[in-house]
N, C-alpha and C. Protein backbone atom coordinates (compact mmCIF):
# COMPACT_ATOMS: atom_id res chain seq x y z
N MET A 1 6.19 8.26 -5.08
CA MET A 1 6.08 7.04 -4.25
C MET A 1 5.73 5.80 -5.11
N LEU A 2 4.81 5.95 -6.06
CA LEU A 2 4.37 4.82 -6.90
C LEU A 2 5.49 4.34 -7.75
N ASP A 3 6.36 5.26 -8.22
CA ASP A 3 7.51 4.82 -9.03
C ASP A 3 8.51 4.02 -8.27
N LEU A 4 8.71 4.33 -7.02
CA LEU A 4 9.54 3.59 -6.13
C LEU A 4 8.98 2.10 -5.98
N LEU A 5 7.69 2.00 -5.76
CA LEU A 5 7.07 0.70 -5.63
C LEU A 5 7.15 -0.04 -6.90
N ALA A 6 6.98 0.55 -8.04
CA ALA A 6 7.06 -0.07 -9.32
C ALA A 6 8.39 -0.71 -9.59
N ARG A 7 9.46 0.03 -9.19
CA ARG A 7 10.83 -0.46 -9.40
C ARG A 7 11.05 -1.77 -8.63
N GLU A 8 10.40 -1.96 -7.48
CA GLU A 8 10.57 -3.14 -6.64
C GLU A 8 9.96 -4.39 -7.29
N GLN A 9 9.11 -4.17 -8.32
CA GLN A 9 8.47 -5.35 -8.94
C GLN A 9 9.50 -6.13 -9.70
N GLY A 10 10.59 -5.46 -10.12
CA GLY A 10 11.74 -6.22 -10.64
C GLY A 10 11.61 -6.51 -12.13
N PRO A 11 12.52 -7.36 -12.60
CA PRO A 11 12.67 -7.60 -13.99
C PRO A 11 11.61 -8.48 -14.61
N ALA A 12 10.69 -9.05 -13.78
CA ALA A 12 9.72 -10.00 -14.26
C ALA A 12 8.77 -9.38 -15.27
N GLY A 13 8.51 -8.10 -15.28
CA GLY A 13 7.64 -7.50 -16.22
C GLY A 13 7.59 -6.01 -16.15
N LYS A 14 7.04 -5.40 -17.09
CA LYS A 14 6.87 -3.90 -17.12
C LYS A 14 5.67 -3.53 -16.18
N VAL A 15 5.85 -2.50 -15.35
CA VAL A 15 4.80 -2.09 -14.48
C VAL A 15 4.22 -0.80 -15.03
N GLN A 16 2.90 -0.79 -15.16
CA GLN A 16 2.23 0.48 -15.54
C GLN A 16 1.79 1.16 -14.28
N VAL A 17 2.25 2.38 -14.09
CA VAL A 17 1.92 3.21 -12.92
C VAL A 17 0.91 4.25 -13.29
N ASN A 18 -0.19 4.28 -12.50
CA ASN A 18 -1.28 5.28 -12.72
C ASN A 18 -1.46 6.05 -11.42
N HIS A 19 -1.51 7.37 -11.54
CA HIS A 19 -1.81 8.27 -10.44
C HIS A 19 -3.25 8.70 -10.44
N GLN A 20 -3.90 8.79 -9.28
CA GLN A 20 -5.22 9.14 -9.10
C GLN A 20 -6.18 8.42 -10.14
N GLU A 21 -6.13 7.09 -10.05
CA GLU A 21 -6.95 6.30 -10.95
C GLU A 21 -8.39 6.06 -10.39
N VAL A 22 -9.29 6.09 -11.28
CA VAL A 22 -10.67 5.79 -10.88
C VAL A 22 -10.96 4.31 -11.17
N LEU A 23 -11.33 3.61 -10.15
CA LEU A 23 -11.67 2.19 -10.29
C LEU A 23 -13.08 1.98 -10.05
N VAL A 24 -13.74 1.02 -10.75
CA VAL A 24 -15.16 0.75 -10.61
C VAL A 24 -15.47 -0.60 -10.08
N GLY A 25 -16.19 -0.64 -9.05
CA GLY A 25 -16.70 -1.89 -8.48
C GLY A 25 -18.23 -1.67 -8.39
N ASP A 26 -18.78 -1.91 -7.23
CA ASP A 26 -20.22 -1.55 -7.01
C ASP A 26 -20.36 -0.03 -7.03
N VAL A 27 -19.29 0.69 -6.63
CA VAL A 27 -19.24 2.18 -6.73
C VAL A 27 -17.94 2.56 -7.35
N ARG A 28 -17.75 3.88 -7.58
CA ARG A 28 -16.48 4.38 -8.15
C ARG A 28 -15.59 4.82 -7.02
N TYR A 29 -14.30 4.45 -7.11
CA TYR A 29 -13.30 4.84 -6.17
C TYR A 29 -12.20 5.55 -6.88
N THR A 30 -11.68 6.60 -6.27
CA THR A 30 -10.48 7.23 -6.78
C THR A 30 -9.39 6.90 -5.76
N VAL A 31 -8.41 6.13 -6.28
CA VAL A 31 -7.33 5.73 -5.37
C VAL A 31 -6.09 6.60 -5.75
N ASP A 32 -5.12 6.73 -4.78
CA ASP A 32 -3.97 7.52 -5.09
C ASP A 32 -3.17 7.00 -6.24
N GLY A 33 -3.12 5.68 -6.32
CA GLY A 33 -2.37 5.13 -7.44
C GLY A 33 -2.62 3.66 -7.60
N THR A 34 -2.23 3.14 -8.81
CA THR A 34 -2.26 1.73 -8.99
C THR A 34 -0.98 1.31 -9.70
N LEU A 35 -0.66 0.02 -9.53
CA LEU A 35 0.42 -0.65 -10.26
C LEU A 35 -0.19 -1.76 -10.97
N ARG A 36 -0.05 -1.84 -12.29
CA ARG A 36 -0.55 -2.93 -13.06
C ARG A 36 0.55 -3.60 -13.83
N PHE A 37 0.52 -4.89 -13.87
CA PHE A 37 1.55 -5.65 -14.60
C PHE A 37 1.00 -7.00 -14.94
N GLU A 38 1.66 -7.66 -15.85
CA GLU A 38 1.36 -9.00 -16.28
C GLU A 38 2.53 -9.93 -15.84
N GLN A 39 2.14 -11.04 -15.31
CA GLN A 39 3.11 -12.03 -14.91
C GLN A 39 2.51 -13.41 -15.12
N VAL A 40 3.28 -14.34 -15.64
CA VAL A 40 2.82 -15.72 -15.99
C VAL A 40 1.49 -15.67 -16.77
N GLY A 41 1.33 -14.70 -17.63
CA GLY A 41 0.15 -14.62 -18.48
C GLY A 41 -1.14 -14.05 -17.73
N MET A 42 -0.97 -13.59 -16.53
CA MET A 42 -2.09 -13.02 -15.82
C MET A 42 -1.91 -11.54 -15.52
N GLN A 43 -3.00 -10.77 -15.46
CA GLN A 43 -2.98 -9.44 -15.18
C GLN A 43 -3.12 -9.24 -13.62
N PHE A 44 -2.30 -8.36 -13.11
CA PHE A 44 -2.27 -8.07 -11.68
C PHE A 44 -2.53 -6.60 -11.42
N LEU A 45 -3.30 -6.28 -10.36
CA LEU A 45 -3.64 -4.96 -9.98
C LEU A 45 -3.30 -4.73 -8.50
N ILE A 46 -2.46 -3.79 -8.19
CA ILE A 46 -2.14 -3.39 -6.83
C ILE A 46 -2.61 -1.99 -6.64
N ILE A 47 -3.45 -1.76 -5.63
CA ILE A 47 -3.90 -0.35 -5.33
C ILE A 47 -3.04 0.24 -4.20
N VAL A 48 -2.75 1.50 -4.33
CA VAL A 48 -1.84 2.16 -3.35
C VAL A 48 -2.53 3.42 -2.80
N GLU A 49 -2.48 3.57 -1.53
CA GLU A 49 -2.96 4.81 -0.92
C GLU A 49 -1.72 5.41 -0.19
N CYS A 50 -1.45 6.70 -0.43
CA CYS A 50 -0.31 7.37 0.13
C CYS A 50 -0.86 8.56 0.91
N LYS A 51 -0.64 8.59 2.21
CA LYS A 51 -1.22 9.64 3.01
C LYS A 51 -0.19 10.37 3.82
N LEU A 52 -0.15 11.64 3.80
CA LEU A 52 0.64 12.49 4.70
C LEU A 52 -0.33 12.98 5.77
N LEU A 53 -0.18 12.38 6.94
CA LEU A 53 -1.11 12.67 8.03
C LEU A 53 -0.35 13.21 9.20
N ARG A 54 -1.11 13.77 10.15
CA ARG A 54 -0.48 14.27 11.39
C ARG A 54 -0.43 13.24 12.51
N ARG A 55 -1.27 12.23 12.37
CA ARG A 55 -1.29 11.18 13.39
C ARG A 55 -1.29 9.85 12.70
N ARG A 56 -1.12 8.78 13.50
CA ARG A 56 -1.09 7.46 12.97
C ARG A 56 -2.39 7.08 12.21
N VAL A 57 -2.26 6.26 11.22
CA VAL A 57 -3.42 5.79 10.44
C VAL A 57 -4.28 4.90 11.39
N GLU A 58 -5.64 5.20 11.29
CA GLU A 58 -6.53 4.44 12.11
C GLU A 58 -7.06 3.23 11.38
N ARG A 59 -7.69 2.30 12.15
CA ARG A 59 -8.24 1.09 11.59
C ARG A 59 -9.26 1.37 10.49
N ARG A 60 -10.09 2.39 10.71
CA ARG A 60 -11.14 2.71 9.72
C ARG A 60 -10.61 3.10 8.34
N GLN A 61 -9.44 3.71 8.37
CA GLN A 61 -8.77 4.06 7.07
C GLN A 61 -8.31 2.86 6.35
N VAL A 62 -7.79 1.87 7.04
CA VAL A 62 -7.33 0.61 6.45
C VAL A 62 -8.62 -0.18 5.98
N GLN A 63 -9.67 -0.09 6.80
CA GLN A 63 -10.94 -0.78 6.42
C GLN A 63 -11.51 -0.25 5.05
N ILE A 64 -11.41 1.04 4.82
CA ILE A 64 -11.84 1.61 3.61
C ILE A 64 -10.99 1.09 2.45
N LEU A 65 -9.69 1.04 2.62
CA LEU A 65 -8.81 0.47 1.59
C LEU A 65 -9.13 -1.02 1.39
N SER A 66 -9.38 -1.74 2.47
CA SER A 66 -9.74 -3.14 2.33
C SER A 66 -11.08 -3.35 1.51
N ASP A 67 -12.07 -2.52 1.86
CA ASP A 67 -13.27 -2.59 1.10
C ASP A 67 -13.12 -2.28 -0.37
N THR A 68 -12.25 -1.32 -0.72
CA THR A 68 -11.96 -1.00 -2.08
C THR A 68 -11.26 -2.22 -2.77
N LEU A 69 -10.31 -2.72 -2.06
CA LEU A 69 -9.53 -3.93 -2.58
C LEU A 69 -10.50 -5.04 -3.01
N GLU A 70 -11.41 -5.33 -2.12
CA GLU A 70 -12.40 -6.47 -2.39
C GLU A 70 -13.32 -6.07 -3.50
N ASP A 71 -13.85 -4.87 -3.55
CA ASP A 71 -14.85 -4.47 -4.52
C ASP A 71 -14.26 -4.42 -5.90
N VAL A 72 -13.03 -3.97 -6.07
CA VAL A 72 -12.53 -3.88 -7.42
C VAL A 72 -11.71 -5.10 -7.85
N HIS A 73 -11.66 -6.10 -6.92
CA HIS A 73 -10.99 -7.36 -7.20
C HIS A 73 -9.51 -7.22 -7.53
N ALA A 74 -8.88 -6.36 -6.80
CA ALA A 74 -7.39 -6.19 -6.88
C ALA A 74 -6.70 -7.37 -6.15
N GLN A 75 -5.49 -7.61 -6.53
CA GLN A 75 -4.69 -8.66 -5.92
C GLN A 75 -4.04 -8.24 -4.60
N LYS A 76 -3.73 -6.96 -4.42
CA LYS A 76 -3.05 -6.49 -3.30
C LYS A 76 -3.30 -4.98 -3.10
N ALA A 77 -3.14 -4.50 -1.85
CA ALA A 77 -3.20 -3.12 -1.56
C ALA A 77 -2.03 -2.72 -0.65
N ILE A 78 -1.56 -1.52 -0.86
CA ILE A 78 -0.47 -1.00 -0.05
C ILE A 78 -0.95 0.37 0.57
N PHE A 79 -0.77 0.51 1.87
CA PHE A 79 -1.02 1.79 2.47
C PHE A 79 0.27 2.39 2.93
N VAL A 80 0.65 3.52 2.44
CA VAL A 80 1.88 4.18 2.74
C VAL A 80 1.60 5.50 3.47
N THR A 81 2.30 5.78 4.54
CA THR A 81 2.13 6.97 5.29
C THR A 81 3.46 7.37 5.87
N SER A 82 3.50 8.58 6.40
CA SER A 82 4.73 9.10 7.05
C SER A 82 4.73 9.06 8.54
N THR A 83 3.53 8.63 9.07
CA THR A 83 3.30 8.77 10.50
C THR A 83 3.15 7.44 11.29
N GLY A 84 2.99 6.38 10.58
CA GLY A 84 2.75 5.08 11.26
C GLY A 84 1.26 4.65 11.38
N PHE A 85 1.01 3.55 12.12
CA PHE A 85 -0.28 2.95 12.16
C PHE A 85 -0.69 2.64 13.58
N GLN A 86 -1.96 2.83 13.88
CA GLN A 86 -2.49 2.37 15.16
C GLN A 86 -2.56 0.84 15.14
N SER A 87 -2.59 0.22 16.34
CA SER A 87 -2.57 -1.23 16.44
C SER A 87 -3.76 -1.89 15.70
N GLY A 88 -4.92 -1.23 15.74
CA GLY A 88 -6.06 -1.83 15.02
C GLY A 88 -5.87 -1.89 13.59
N ALA A 89 -5.20 -0.87 13.03
CA ALA A 89 -4.89 -0.80 11.60
C ALA A 89 -3.96 -2.00 11.23
N VAL A 90 -2.95 -2.17 12.04
CA VAL A 90 -1.99 -3.22 11.81
C VAL A 90 -2.63 -4.60 11.80
N GLU A 91 -3.48 -4.77 12.83
CA GLU A 91 -4.17 -6.10 12.97
C GLU A 91 -5.08 -6.35 11.75
N LEU A 92 -5.83 -5.37 11.28
CA LEU A 92 -6.74 -5.56 10.15
C LEU A 92 -5.92 -5.90 8.91
N ALA A 93 -4.85 -5.12 8.71
CA ALA A 93 -3.97 -5.35 7.56
C ALA A 93 -3.45 -6.74 7.49
N LYS A 94 -3.12 -7.33 8.65
CA LYS A 94 -2.62 -8.70 8.69
C LYS A 94 -3.62 -9.76 8.27
N LYS A 95 -4.93 -9.40 8.43
CA LYS A 95 -5.98 -10.26 8.04
C LYS A 95 -6.32 -10.21 6.54
N ARG A 96 -6.02 -9.07 5.98
CA ARG A 96 -6.35 -8.77 4.59
C ARG A 96 -5.11 -8.73 3.69
N ARG A 97 -5.25 -8.47 2.40
CA ARG A 97 -4.08 -8.37 1.52
C ARG A 97 -3.59 -6.94 1.49
N ILE A 98 -3.25 -6.44 2.63
CA ILE A 98 -2.79 -5.03 2.70
C ILE A 98 -1.42 -4.89 3.35
N ALA A 99 -0.45 -4.39 2.59
CA ALA A 99 0.86 -4.06 3.14
C ALA A 99 0.81 -2.64 3.78
N LEU A 100 1.46 -2.48 4.88
CA LEU A 100 1.63 -1.17 5.54
C LEU A 100 3.00 -0.68 5.46
N ALA A 101 3.22 0.57 5.14
CA ALA A 101 4.54 1.10 4.99
C ALA A 101 4.67 2.51 5.58
N ILE A 102 5.80 2.75 6.15
CA ILE A 102 6.13 4.15 6.64
C ILE A 102 7.21 4.61 5.61
N SER A 103 7.09 5.82 5.22
CA SER A 103 8.03 6.37 4.22
C SER A 103 8.42 7.77 4.43
N ASP A 104 9.63 8.16 3.97
CA ASP A 104 9.98 9.54 3.88
C ASP A 104 10.07 9.92 2.38
N GLY A 105 9.76 8.90 1.51
CA GLY A 105 9.68 9.20 0.06
C GLY A 105 11.00 9.09 -0.70
N GLU A 106 12.04 8.68 -0.04
CA GLU A 106 13.31 8.66 -0.76
C GLU A 106 13.77 7.28 -1.33
N ALA A 107 13.44 6.20 -0.64
CA ALA A 107 13.94 4.90 -1.04
C ALA A 107 12.90 3.78 -0.54
N LEU A 108 13.11 2.61 -0.97
CA LEU A 108 12.31 1.47 -0.56
C LEU A 108 13.12 0.47 0.22
N HIS A 109 12.63 0.02 1.34
CA HIS A 109 13.19 -1.07 2.10
C HIS A 109 12.00 -1.94 2.55
N PHE A 110 12.21 -3.29 2.48
CA PHE A 110 11.10 -4.19 2.77
C PHE A 110 11.39 -5.13 3.94
N PRO A 111 11.83 -4.63 5.07
CA PRO A 111 11.95 -5.57 6.18
C PRO A 111 10.57 -5.83 6.72
N ILE A 112 10.27 -7.04 7.06
CA ILE A 112 8.96 -7.35 7.65
C ILE A 112 9.07 -7.27 9.13
N ASN A 113 8.36 -6.34 9.71
CA ASN A 113 8.37 -6.11 11.14
C ASN A 113 7.02 -5.64 11.62
N ILE A 114 6.20 -6.55 12.05
CA ILE A 114 4.83 -6.18 12.46
C ILE A 114 4.74 -5.65 13.87
N ASP A 115 5.88 -5.65 14.61
CA ASP A 115 5.82 -5.16 15.97
C ASP A 115 6.02 -3.61 16.06
N ILE A 116 6.58 -3.04 14.96
CA ILE A 116 6.82 -1.57 15.03
C ILE A 116 5.51 -0.89 14.56
N LYS A 117 4.94 -0.08 15.41
CA LYS A 117 3.69 0.66 15.12
C LYS A 117 4.03 2.04 14.48
N CYS A 118 4.98 2.71 15.02
CA CYS A 118 5.43 3.96 14.51
C CYS A 118 6.81 4.29 15.03
N ALA A 119 7.72 4.56 14.16
CA ALA A 119 9.10 4.86 14.59
C ALA A 119 9.09 6.34 15.07
N PRO A 120 9.75 6.60 16.21
CA PRO A 120 9.81 8.01 16.71
C PRO A 120 10.42 8.94 15.67
N LYS A 121 11.46 8.55 14.98
CA LYS A 121 12.01 9.28 13.87
C LYS A 121 11.96 8.40 12.64
N ILE A 122 11.34 8.82 11.58
CA ILE A 122 11.14 8.00 10.40
C ILE A 122 12.49 7.77 9.75
N PRO A 123 12.87 6.52 9.53
CA PRO A 123 14.15 6.24 8.85
C PRO A 123 14.03 6.58 7.35
N THR A 124 15.15 6.71 6.72
CA THR A 124 15.22 6.95 5.28
C THR A 124 14.50 5.73 4.55
N GLY A 125 13.74 6.06 3.64
CA GLY A 125 13.05 5.01 2.79
C GLY A 125 11.74 4.55 3.39
N ILE A 126 11.37 3.38 2.98
CA ILE A 126 10.10 2.82 3.44
C ILE A 126 10.38 1.62 4.31
N THR A 127 9.67 1.58 5.38
CA THR A 127 9.71 0.38 6.30
C THR A 127 8.38 -0.35 6.16
N ILE A 128 8.35 -1.54 5.64
CA ILE A 128 7.09 -2.27 5.54
C ILE A 128 6.76 -2.87 6.87
N LEU A 129 5.58 -2.59 7.39
CA LEU A 129 5.15 -3.14 8.66
C LEU A 129 4.54 -4.48 8.52
N TRP A 130 3.85 -4.73 7.38
CA TRP A 130 3.18 -6.00 7.22
C TRP A 130 3.17 -6.28 5.73
N ARG A 131 3.59 -7.44 5.31
CA ARG A 131 3.54 -7.74 3.90
C ARG A 131 3.47 -9.29 3.80
N GLU A 132 2.55 -9.81 2.99
CA GLU A 132 2.36 -11.25 2.82
C GLU A 132 3.54 -11.81 2.05
């Protein structure tokens, strides 16, 4: 999944993909992955959580990612799941720097559609529910 996201960064720079990276803020966090790249002379960090769950992602799970994002001073966070998101999770992500995505793991698609909470049948690729 991280490699698919890294490809979307495009030709602007090389993306370093790290799986199960430990990040340090006030405490230590192990995130599913990170994307690191340099653009216009600045270093960027995107943290990624990928979860295969049986039910929609809850607000508290997005809150944990949001807290991690702030504590480690990352520029962006992406929460990817195969099941969708509860409305509270979508609303919190809209207020923070968190993109929400539904994926089957095969391809990336970035339509912005914050009205879809969970597709009954997951389409091929990733559907971004919220992205700044």
